[in-house]
Every structure is written in structure tokens, then in C-alpha cells.
N, C-alpha and C. Protein backbone atom coordinates (compact mmCIF):
# COMPACT_ATOMS: atom_id res chain seq x y z
N MET A 1 5.16 8.19 26.44
CA MET A 1 5.89 9.11 27.58
C MET A 1 6.09 10.34 26.88
N PHE A 2 5.46 11.18 27.94
CA PHE A 2 5.63 12.84 27.50
C PHE A 2 7.01 13.32 27.68
N ASP A 3 7.58 14.00 26.74
CA ASP A 3 8.87 14.72 27.06
C ASP A 3 8.88 15.81 26.32
N LEU A 4 9.77 16.90 26.43
CA LEU A 4 9.95 18.08 26.06
C LEU A 4 11.54 18.22 25.12
N VAL A 5 11.70 17.23 24.37
CA VAL A 5 12.90 17.27 23.80
C VAL A 5 12.67 16.72 22.39
N ASN A 6 13.37 17.53 21.46
CA ASN A 6 13.46 17.51 20.03
C ASN A 6 15.00 17.04 19.79
N PRO A 7 15.25 15.60 19.54
CA PRO A 7 16.73 15.45 19.25
C PRO A 7 17.24 15.70 18.13
N LYS A 8 16.58 16.56 17.16
CA LYS A 8 17.16 17.17 15.89
C LYS A 8 17.69 18.51 16.18
N LEU A 9 17.42 18.92 17.24
CA LEU A 9 17.74 20.43 17.68
C LEU A 9 18.94 20.47 18.62
N PRO A 10 19.58 21.39 18.79
CA PRO A 10 20.83 21.69 19.96
C PRO A 10 19.92 21.61 21.23
N GLU A 11 20.36 20.94 22.17
CA GLU A 11 19.96 20.74 23.48
C GLU A 11 19.32 21.97 23.97
N ARG A 12 19.99 23.17 23.93
CA ARG A 12 19.50 24.28 24.51
C ARG A 12 18.39 24.93 24.05
N LEU A 13 18.05 24.41 22.66
CA LEU A 13 16.89 25.00 21.88
C LEU A 13 15.95 23.95 21.81
N SER A 14 16.01 22.75 22.37
CA SER A 14 15.04 21.48 22.06
C SER A 14 14.05 21.95 22.99
N VAL A 15 14.14 22.06 24.42
CA VAL A 15 13.02 22.25 25.06
C VAL A 15 12.08 23.65 24.90
N PRO A 16 12.57 24.84 24.59
CA PRO A 16 11.61 25.73 24.19
C PRO A 16 10.92 25.58 22.84
N PHE A 17 11.69 24.84 21.82
CA PHE A 17 11.05 24.52 20.66
C PHE A 17 9.87 23.50 20.85
N ALA A 18 10.33 22.44 21.79
CA ALA A 18 9.28 21.55 22.07
C ALA A 18 7.88 22.08 22.65
N LEU A 19 8.33 23.26 23.53
CA LEU A 19 6.87 23.93 23.94
C LEU A 19 6.08 24.42 22.97
N ILE A 20 6.71 25.02 21.79
CA ILE A 20 6.01 25.44 20.58
C ILE A 20 5.19 24.33 19.97
N GLU A 21 5.90 23.33 19.89
CA GLU A 21 5.09 22.00 19.27
C GLU A 21 3.93 21.55 20.24
N ASN A 22 4.21 21.66 21.43
CA ASN A 22 3.33 21.14 22.67
C ASN A 22 2.02 22.17 22.38
N ALA A 23 2.39 23.37 22.25
CA ALA A 23 1.30 24.54 22.19
C ALA A 23 0.49 24.03 20.96
N TYR A 24 1.16 23.89 19.71
CA TYR A 24 0.39 23.53 18.54
C TYR A 24 -0.36 22.27 18.49
N THR A 25 0.14 21.30 19.22
CA THR A 25 -0.80 20.00 19.50
C THR A 25 -1.90 20.39 20.13
N ARG A 26 -1.73 21.10 21.38
CA ARG A 26 -3.06 21.54 22.04
C ARG A 26 -3.97 22.42 21.28
N LEU A 27 -3.54 23.21 20.45
CA LEU A 27 -4.14 23.99 19.65
C LEU A 27 -5.11 23.08 18.67
N THR A 28 -4.41 22.28 17.98
CA THR A 28 -5.11 21.43 16.99
C THR A 28 -6.31 20.48 17.79
N ARG A 29 -5.99 20.26 19.04
CA ARG A 29 -6.89 19.34 19.58
C ARG A 29 -8.28 20.18 20.13
N LEU A 30 -7.86 21.56 20.24
CA LEU A 30 -8.91 22.46 20.78
C LEU A 30 -9.83 22.80 19.71
N VAL A 31 -9.26 22.84 18.36
CA VAL A 31 -9.96 23.37 17.21
C VAL A 31 -10.41 22.24 16.27
N HIS A 32 -10.06 21.19 16.33
CA HIS A 32 -10.09 20.15 15.04
C HIS A 32 -11.48 19.94 14.66
N ASP A 33 -12.49 20.04 15.83
CA ASP A 33 -14.05 19.77 15.45
C ASP A 33 -14.88 20.76 15.33
N MET A 34 -14.24 21.98 15.09
CA MET A 34 -14.95 23.03 15.06
C MET A 34 -15.64 23.35 13.54
N SER A 35 -17.09 23.81 13.39
CA SER A 35 -17.66 23.92 12.31
C SER A 35 -17.18 25.31 11.64
N GLN A 36 -17.47 25.56 10.29
CA GLN A 36 -17.31 26.77 9.64
C GLN A 36 -17.82 28.02 10.50
N GLU A 37 -18.90 27.72 10.79
CA GLU A 37 -19.68 28.71 11.56
C GLU A 37 -18.85 29.09 12.94
N GLU A 38 -18.64 28.11 13.61
CA GLU A 38 -17.77 28.19 14.70
C GLU A 38 -16.36 28.85 14.81
N ILE A 39 -15.98 28.52 13.71
CA ILE A 39 -14.56 29.01 13.63
C ILE A 39 -14.39 30.37 13.15
N ASP A 40 -15.48 30.85 12.46
CA ASP A 40 -15.69 32.40 12.14
C ASP A 40 -16.60 33.07 13.16
N TYR A 41 -16.76 32.43 14.17
CA TYR A 41 -17.82 33.14 15.12
C TYR A 41 -17.07 34.34 15.84
N LEU A 42 -17.60 35.58 16.29
CA LEU A 42 -17.25 36.63 16.64
C LEU A 42 -17.55 37.04 18.03
N GLY A 43 -18.10 36.11 18.77
CA GLY A 43 -18.37 36.44 20.14
C GLY A 43 -20.09 36.84 20.13
N PRO A 44 -20.52 36.76 21.58
CA PRO A 44 -21.98 37.24 21.61
C PRO A 44 -22.41 38.68 20.95
N ALA A 45 -21.30 39.64 21.05
CA ALA A 45 -21.79 41.04 20.55
C ALA A 45 -21.15 40.94 19.15
N GLY A 46 -20.59 40.08 18.72
CA GLY A 46 -19.86 40.16 17.27
C GLY A 46 -18.88 41.15 17.20
N ASN A 47 -18.10 41.22 18.21
CA ASN A 47 -16.93 42.23 18.09
C ASN A 47 -15.55 41.81 18.67
N VAL A 48 -15.37 40.51 18.82
CA VAL A 48 -14.04 39.97 19.22
C VAL A 48 -13.33 39.33 17.98
N ASN A 49 -12.23 39.02 18.25
CA ASN A 49 -11.48 38.26 17.08
C ASN A 49 -11.92 36.61 17.06
N SER A 50 -12.10 36.19 15.97
CA SER A 50 -12.71 34.95 15.79
C SER A 50 -11.54 33.76 16.04
N THR A 51 -11.79 32.61 16.10
CA THR A 51 -10.94 31.67 16.16
C THR A 51 -9.86 31.50 14.88
N ALA A 52 -10.64 31.85 13.70
CA ALA A 52 -9.86 31.77 12.46
C ALA A 52 -8.94 32.93 12.43
N THR A 53 -9.38 34.13 12.92
CA THR A 53 -8.35 35.29 12.93
C THR A 53 -7.20 34.89 13.98
N LEU A 54 -7.52 34.45 14.99
CA LEU A 54 -6.54 33.91 15.97
C LEU A 54 -5.42 33.18 15.55
N ILE A 55 -5.83 32.05 14.98
CA ILE A 55 -5.03 31.11 14.19
C ILE A 55 -4.12 31.66 13.41
N GLN A 56 -4.84 32.54 12.63
CA GLN A 56 -3.96 33.46 11.48
C GLN A 56 -2.62 34.24 12.24
N HIS A 57 -3.37 34.88 13.08
CA HIS A 57 -2.38 35.83 14.00
C HIS A 57 -1.27 35.03 14.56
N LEU A 58 -1.48 33.91 15.04
CA LEU A 58 -0.47 33.14 15.65
C LEU A 58 0.61 32.81 14.58
N ALA A 59 0.17 32.28 13.38
CA ALA A 59 1.00 31.87 12.52
C ALA A 59 1.98 33.14 12.05
N PHE A 60 1.29 34.28 11.77
CA PHE A 60 1.99 35.40 11.36
C PHE A 60 2.94 35.88 12.24
N THR A 61 2.69 36.00 13.47
CA THR A 61 3.42 36.39 14.48
C THR A 61 4.61 35.37 15.07
N ASP A 62 4.61 34.22 14.65
CA ASP A 62 5.42 33.27 14.94
C ASP A 62 6.39 33.45 13.84
N LEU A 63 5.87 33.80 12.65
CA LEU A 63 6.64 34.00 11.40
C LEU A 63 7.56 35.03 11.74
N GLU A 64 7.01 36.23 12.28
CA GLU A 64 7.76 37.49 12.72
C GLU A 64 8.65 37.34 13.55
N TYR A 65 8.58 36.53 14.76
CA TYR A 65 9.53 36.24 15.54
C TYR A 65 10.86 35.37 14.98
N LEU A 66 10.43 34.32 14.08
CA LEU A 66 11.53 33.71 13.40
C LEU A 66 12.33 34.60 12.70
N HIS A 67 11.63 35.52 11.92
CA HIS A 67 12.62 36.54 11.15
C HIS A 67 13.34 37.73 12.24
N CYS A 68 12.89 37.72 13.26
CA CYS A 68 13.65 38.58 14.22
C CYS A 68 14.75 37.85 14.73
N ILE A 69 14.55 36.34 15.05
CA ILE A 69 15.64 35.68 15.27
C ILE A 69 16.77 35.61 14.43
N LYS A 70 16.27 35.37 13.06
CA LYS A 70 17.11 35.26 12.10
C LYS A 70 17.88 36.76 11.81
N GLY A 71 17.47 37.68 12.21
CA GLY A 71 17.85 39.25 11.93
C GLY A 71 17.53 39.81 10.70
N GLU A 72 16.23 39.25 9.97
CA GLU A 72 16.12 39.65 8.37
C GLU A 72 14.77 39.83 8.42
N ALA A 73 14.20 40.63 7.36
CA ALA A 73 12.99 40.98 7.19
C ALA A 73 12.12 39.65 6.61
N ILE A 74 10.74 39.55 6.75
CA ILE A 74 10.09 38.52 6.33
C ILE A 74 10.19 38.75 4.53
N PRO A 75 10.42 37.54 4.00
CA PRO A 75 10.31 37.53 2.70
C PRO A 75 9.06 37.84 1.97
N GLU A 76 9.24 38.67 0.90
CA GLU A 76 7.69 39.03 0.31
C GLU A 76 6.82 37.98 0.05
N ALA A 77 7.23 36.79 -0.39
CA ALA A 77 6.40 35.65 -0.69
C ALA A 77 5.63 35.39 0.59
N LEU A 78 6.44 35.24 1.50
CA LEU A 78 5.77 34.81 2.82
C LEU A 78 4.80 36.00 3.45
N MET A 79 5.28 37.15 3.31
CA MET A 79 4.41 38.16 3.83
C MET A 79 2.88 38.28 2.92
N ALA A 80 3.28 38.05 1.73
CA ALA A 80 1.93 37.70 0.93
C ALA A 80 1.08 36.69 1.32
N GLU A 81 1.81 35.65 1.73
CA GLU A 81 0.85 34.56 2.19
C GLU A 81 0.49 34.63 3.47
N TYR A 82 1.07 35.18 4.57
CA TYR A 82 0.75 35.35 6.05
C TYR A 82 0.25 36.64 6.46
N GLY A 83 0.59 37.61 5.88
CA GLY A 83 0.36 39.12 6.40
C GLY A 83 -0.65 39.67 5.64
N PRO A 84 -1.03 40.98 6.01
CA PRO A 84 -0.43 41.64 7.06
C PRO A 84 -0.79 41.28 8.48
N ASP A 85 -0.31 41.79 9.61
CA ASP A 85 -0.72 41.20 10.79
C ASP A 85 -1.86 42.27 11.50
N ARG A 86 -1.67 43.52 10.95
CA ARG A 86 -2.67 44.37 11.47
C ARG A 86 -3.17 45.34 10.38
N THR A 87 -4.30 45.81 10.57
CA THR A 87 -4.92 46.68 9.65
C THR A 87 -4.71 48.28 9.83
N GLU A 88 -4.98 49.21 9.16
CA GLU A 88 -4.67 50.39 9.31
C GLU A 88 -5.10 51.15 10.73
N ASP A 89 -6.01 50.36 11.37
CA ASP A 89 -6.53 50.88 12.49
C ASP A 89 -5.93 50.13 13.72
N GLU A 90 -5.14 49.32 13.35
CA GLU A 90 -4.18 48.46 14.31
C GLU A 90 -5.00 47.24 14.89
N ARG A 91 -6.01 46.71 14.17
CA ARG A 91 -6.59 45.73 14.56
C ARG A 91 -6.23 44.43 13.77
N LEU A 92 -6.53 43.36 14.21
CA LEU A 92 -6.08 42.08 13.59
C LEU A 92 -6.98 41.90 12.42
N PRO A 93 -6.51 41.66 11.12
CA PRO A 93 -7.29 41.54 9.86
C PRO A 93 -8.35 40.30 10.25
N VAL A 94 -9.61 40.61 9.91
CA VAL A 94 -10.71 39.52 9.88
C VAL A 94 -10.31 38.32 9.02
N VAL A 95 -10.38 37.20 9.44
CA VAL A 95 -10.27 35.92 8.70
C VAL A 95 -11.56 35.27 8.58
N LYS A 96 -12.16 35.14 7.41
CA LYS A 96 -13.43 34.48 7.46
C LYS A 96 -13.54 33.42 6.36
N GLY A 97 -14.07 32.39 6.43
CA GLY A 97 -14.29 31.37 5.46
C GLY A 97 -13.09 30.35 5.05
N GLN A 98 -12.17 30.45 5.87
CA GLN A 98 -11.09 29.44 5.80
C GLN A 98 -11.25 28.30 6.79
N GLN A 99 -11.25 27.10 6.20
CA GLN A 99 -11.40 26.17 7.02
C GLN A 99 -10.32 25.83 8.12
N VAL A 100 -10.69 25.27 9.17
CA VAL A 100 -9.86 25.01 10.12
C VAL A 100 -8.48 24.39 9.81
N ASP A 101 -8.76 23.05 8.79
CA ASP A 101 -7.64 22.28 8.41
C ASP A 101 -6.61 23.33 7.78
N GLN A 102 -7.09 23.96 6.95
CA GLN A 102 -6.22 25.07 6.17
C GLN A 102 -5.47 25.92 6.80
N LEU A 103 -6.17 26.66 8.06
CA LEU A 103 -5.62 27.46 9.05
C LEU A 103 -4.41 26.78 9.91
N LEU A 104 -4.73 25.62 10.15
CA LEU A 104 -3.82 24.64 10.96
C LEU A 104 -2.50 24.27 10.27
N ALA A 105 -2.62 23.98 8.83
CA ALA A 105 -1.75 23.61 7.88
C ALA A 105 -0.82 24.66 7.72
N SER A 106 -1.29 25.96 7.51
CA SER A 106 -0.62 27.14 7.34
C SER A 106 0.24 27.41 8.40
N TYR A 107 -0.33 27.17 9.82
CA TYR A 107 0.47 27.54 10.80
C TYR A 107 1.54 26.47 11.21
N ARG A 108 1.29 25.25 10.61
CA ARG A 108 2.24 24.03 10.75
C ARG A 108 3.53 24.45 10.00
N ARG A 109 3.16 25.00 8.66
CA ARG A 109 4.25 25.40 7.85
C ARG A 109 5.24 26.32 8.70
N VAL A 110 4.68 27.15 9.33
CA VAL A 110 5.59 28.30 10.06
C VAL A 110 6.41 27.43 11.14
N ILE A 111 5.78 26.60 11.88
CA ILE A 111 6.72 26.08 12.88
C ILE A 111 7.48 25.00 12.15
N ASP A 112 7.36 24.56 11.02
CA ASP A 112 8.31 23.57 10.41
C ASP A 112 9.42 24.59 9.95
N LEU A 113 9.12 25.75 9.67
CA LEU A 113 10.10 26.51 9.15
C LEU A 113 11.06 27.08 10.35
N ILE A 114 10.33 27.19 11.40
CA ILE A 114 11.17 27.39 12.73
C ILE A 114 12.19 26.25 13.01
N GLU A 115 11.53 24.87 13.04
CA GLU A 115 12.51 24.01 13.29
C GLU A 115 13.54 23.76 12.31
N ASP A 116 13.31 23.95 11.11
CA ASP A 116 14.40 23.93 10.01
C ASP A 116 15.24 24.94 10.21
N TYR A 117 14.98 26.16 10.59
CA TYR A 117 16.26 27.09 11.08
C TYR A 117 16.75 26.60 12.28
N LEU A 118 16.13 26.34 13.41
CA LEU A 118 16.94 25.98 14.51
C LEU A 118 17.88 24.73 14.39
N GLN A 119 17.64 23.91 13.41
CA GLN A 119 18.51 22.79 13.05
C GLN A 119 19.83 23.25 12.80
N THR A 120 19.71 24.46 12.26
CA THR A 120 21.26 25.15 11.77
C THR A 120 21.99 25.85 12.88
N CYS A 121 21.31 25.99 13.95
CA CYS A 121 21.79 26.51 15.17
C CYS A 121 22.80 25.72 16.15
N THR A 122 23.45 26.32 16.93
CA THR A 122 24.25 25.63 18.08
C THR A 122 23.73 25.94 19.41
N ASP A 123 24.26 25.18 20.27
CA ASP A 123 23.72 25.59 21.77
C ASP A 123 24.01 26.94 22.05
N GLU A 124 25.32 27.46 21.61
CA GLU A 124 25.71 29.03 21.82
C GLU A 124 24.62 29.74 21.22
N ASP A 125 23.92 29.58 20.27
CA ASP A 125 23.00 30.35 19.70
C ASP A 125 21.82 30.64 20.68
N ALA A 126 21.59 29.75 21.51
CA ALA A 126 20.36 29.88 22.37
C ALA A 126 20.45 31.01 23.22
N THR A 127 21.78 31.79 23.53
CA THR A 127 21.70 32.98 24.16
C THR A 127 22.09 34.18 23.29
N ALA A 128 22.00 33.93 22.27
CA ALA A 128 22.20 35.08 21.06
C ALA A 128 21.27 36.14 21.24
N THR A 129 21.45 37.39 21.20
CA THR A 129 20.62 38.48 21.38
C THR A 129 19.71 38.70 20.33
N VAL A 130 18.21 38.76 20.42
CA VAL A 130 17.35 38.95 19.41
C VAL A 130 16.85 40.26 19.87
N THR A 131 16.66 41.07 18.76
CA THR A 131 15.91 42.41 18.88
C THR A 131 14.28 42.25 18.41
N VAL A 132 13.41 42.43 19.11
CA VAL A 132 11.97 42.29 18.70
C VAL A 132 11.56 43.65 18.83
N PRO A 133 11.32 44.22 17.75
CA PRO A 133 11.00 45.75 17.74
C PRO A 133 9.84 46.32 18.42
N TRP A 134 9.01 45.57 18.71
CA TRP A 134 7.86 46.00 19.56
C TRP A 134 8.03 45.76 21.23
N TRP A 135 9.16 45.10 21.52
CA TRP A 135 9.51 44.66 22.93
C TRP A 135 10.27 45.76 23.17
N PRO A 136 10.31 46.14 24.71
CA PRO A 136 11.09 47.25 25.25
C PRO A 136 12.50 47.02 25.39
N GLU A 137 12.92 45.83 25.26
CA GLU A 137 14.37 45.38 25.61
C GLU A 137 14.40 43.93 24.64
N SER A 138 16.02 43.76 24.18
CA SER A 138 16.10 42.56 23.58
C SER A 138 15.94 41.50 24.58
N ALA A 139 16.05 40.20 23.94
CA ALA A 139 15.85 38.92 24.67
C ALA A 139 16.93 37.76 23.92
N SER A 140 16.95 36.84 24.46
CA SER A 140 17.78 35.65 23.93
C SER A 140 16.83 34.83 23.09
N VAL A 141 17.42 34.17 21.92
CA VAL A 141 16.79 33.14 21.31
C VAL A 141 15.68 32.36 21.96
N ARG A 142 16.46 31.79 23.07
CA ARG A 142 15.66 30.59 24.06
C ARG A 142 14.34 31.34 24.69
N TYR A 143 14.52 32.72 24.94
CA TYR A 143 13.25 33.45 25.43
C TYR A 143 12.30 33.75 24.51
N VAL A 144 12.55 34.02 23.41
CA VAL A 144 11.68 34.35 22.32
C VAL A 144 10.91 32.97 21.87
N LEU A 145 11.64 31.97 21.81
CA LEU A 145 10.89 30.68 21.58
C LEU A 145 9.79 30.18 22.82
N TRP A 146 10.36 30.53 23.98
CA TRP A 146 9.41 30.20 25.03
C TRP A 146 8.20 31.37 25.06
N HIS A 147 8.28 32.65 24.64
CA HIS A 147 7.44 33.35 24.74
C HIS A 147 6.48 33.12 23.40
N MET A 148 6.76 32.54 22.35
CA MET A 148 6.04 32.17 21.40
C MET A 148 5.13 30.95 21.72
N ALA A 149 5.48 30.01 22.59
CA ALA A 149 4.64 28.93 23.18
C ALA A 149 3.60 29.66 24.07
N GLY A 150 4.06 30.79 24.78
CA GLY A 150 3.17 31.41 25.88
C GLY A 150 1.96 32.20 25.15
N HIS A 151 2.51 32.67 24.02
CA HIS A 151 1.65 33.55 23.27
C HIS A 151 0.38 32.66 22.83
N SER A 152 0.91 31.57 22.19
CA SER A 152 -0.24 30.54 21.61
C SER A 152 -1.17 30.12 22.67
N MET A 153 -0.44 29.65 23.99
CA MET A 153 -1.49 29.42 24.91
C MET A 153 -2.51 30.45 25.41
N PHE A 154 -2.00 31.77 25.55
CA PHE A 154 -2.80 32.79 25.63
C PHE A 154 -3.99 32.95 24.87
N HIS A 155 -3.84 32.86 23.54
CA HIS A 155 -4.81 32.89 22.56
C HIS A 155 -5.77 31.67 22.69
N GLN A 156 -5.03 30.59 23.09
CA GLN A 156 -6.06 29.34 23.14
C GLN A 156 -6.92 29.58 24.13
N GLY A 157 -6.59 30.30 25.25
CA GLY A 157 -7.63 30.65 26.30
C GLY A 157 -8.81 31.52 25.80
N GLN A 158 -8.43 32.50 24.77
CA GLN A 158 -9.55 33.25 23.98
C GLN A 158 -10.40 32.16 23.12
N ILE A 159 -9.60 31.35 22.68
CA ILE A 159 -10.61 30.39 21.71
C ILE A 159 -11.37 29.63 22.40
N ARG A 160 -10.88 29.20 23.52
CA ARG A 160 -11.71 28.24 24.70
C ARG A 160 -13.12 28.96 25.12
N ARG A 161 -12.54 30.46 25.34
CA ARG A 161 -14.02 31.26 25.66
C ARG A 161 -14.91 31.40 24.60
N LEU A 162 -14.24 31.71 23.41
CA LEU A 162 -15.22 31.70 22.12
C LEU A 162 -15.95 30.30 22.13
N ARG A 163 -15.44 29.06 22.38
CA ARG A 163 -16.10 27.92 22.09
C ARG A 163 -17.32 27.74 23.26
N GLU A 164 -17.12 28.40 24.49
CA GLU A 164 -18.05 28.29 25.45
C GLU A 164 -19.15 29.19 25.18
N TRP A 165 -18.90 30.57 24.57
CA TRP A 165 -20.00 31.27 24.25
C TRP A 165 -20.89 30.83 23.16
N TYR A 166 -20.07 30.11 21.94
CA TYR A 166 -20.60 29.63 20.85
C TYR A 166 -21.65 28.48 21.40
N ALA A 167 -21.33 27.57 22.22
CA ALA A 167 -22.02 26.56 22.74
C ALA A 167 -23.05 26.90 23.53
N GLN A 168 -22.93 28.19 24.30
CA GLN A 168 -24.30 28.65 25.13
C GLN A 168 -25.22 29.13 23.94
N GLU A 169 -24.82 29.80 23.22
CA GLU A 169 -25.83 30.36 22.16
C GLU A 169 -26.46 29.18 21.24
N HIS A 170 -25.82 28.24 21.11
CA HIS A 170 -26.31 26.93 20.14
C HIS A 170 -26.88 25.90 20.82
N ARG A 171 -27.03 26.05 22.22
CA ARG A 171 -27.79 24.76 22.99
C ARG A 171 -29.22 24.59 22.58
N SER A 172 -29.54 23.33 22.28
CA SER A 172 -30.87 22.78 21.87
C SER A 172 -31.94 23.00 22.82
């Protein structure tokens, strides 16, 4: 039976985190069978973010959101592993040559960090105020978690389109 509850978390944070878990599961199903060529594919004109780049972006952005929720900077070791999120010209850094399993495992570690942190929270923390520097106003922890799931689904739509383009170009 499908459900959106994580019994390890406070009730008011359980469903928003379950949405993140669900989005990750959907992502793994979407990309698990991609070849290296397809995961590095940049679209028909060679000018869009690849699946590899998008997965790395999701991992880094979720890490950023976690640290916004915690009210602290990303530790240097994690920044070295996952960042930066933007180049000097404000584009996503190109990720190439990383296997899909490596990218998904890296993203999974971020989701596990989120879950570990949320296990230390209470139901009252769900409505705590979070400042996200690039948002026009503050939000609750619950809202930020919900947004993370939606952000993943948005980029999964882009990945789905990349897969369609790739399939069209490689029809026999």
C-alpha cells in the first residue's frame, strides 16, 4: 500500500519528507537504465543541462535547503563534495562522465542527511521560520521540504524531455 508517512519522523514533518523520498524513488526509476552517453546528453543543440548535471544540481540544492533549515552554512567538506552550484556566469556546472549509480548514491546521501536531521526535530519545528537567501520571503520548514520535492519533480520533467530527444536521435 502506498502511503506518505515516515514513522521515524515527527508527524508534521513526515508527509513533506515522504514527498522528497517519493520524488527520489521516481527519479531513480526514470534514470536507472540510462547509458553514460545518455546521462551526459546535452539535448539536440548541445546547449541544455544534462541529466547528470540536473541530478548533481538536485543534490546540491537539497543540501543548501537543509542547511537553510538548520540555519548554518554548508560545511567545507560537503561543499567540496557537492558544490559549487553555479559557475561564474551563473550556469550549472557541467557534470560529465559520472555514472548514474554514483550520482544517485550521492543524492541519496543528501536525503539521508535530511532525514537524520528531521529525526532531531519536533512537530513544533514544522512551522519554524526558514530564511532561504534567494527567496523573496521566509517560509516554514514544512514548506521548504514540500518545495524540495516539487523542485525534484520539475527537473524530472526536464530529464524526461532529454530522454525523448535522445531516443528520437538514436532510433534505428
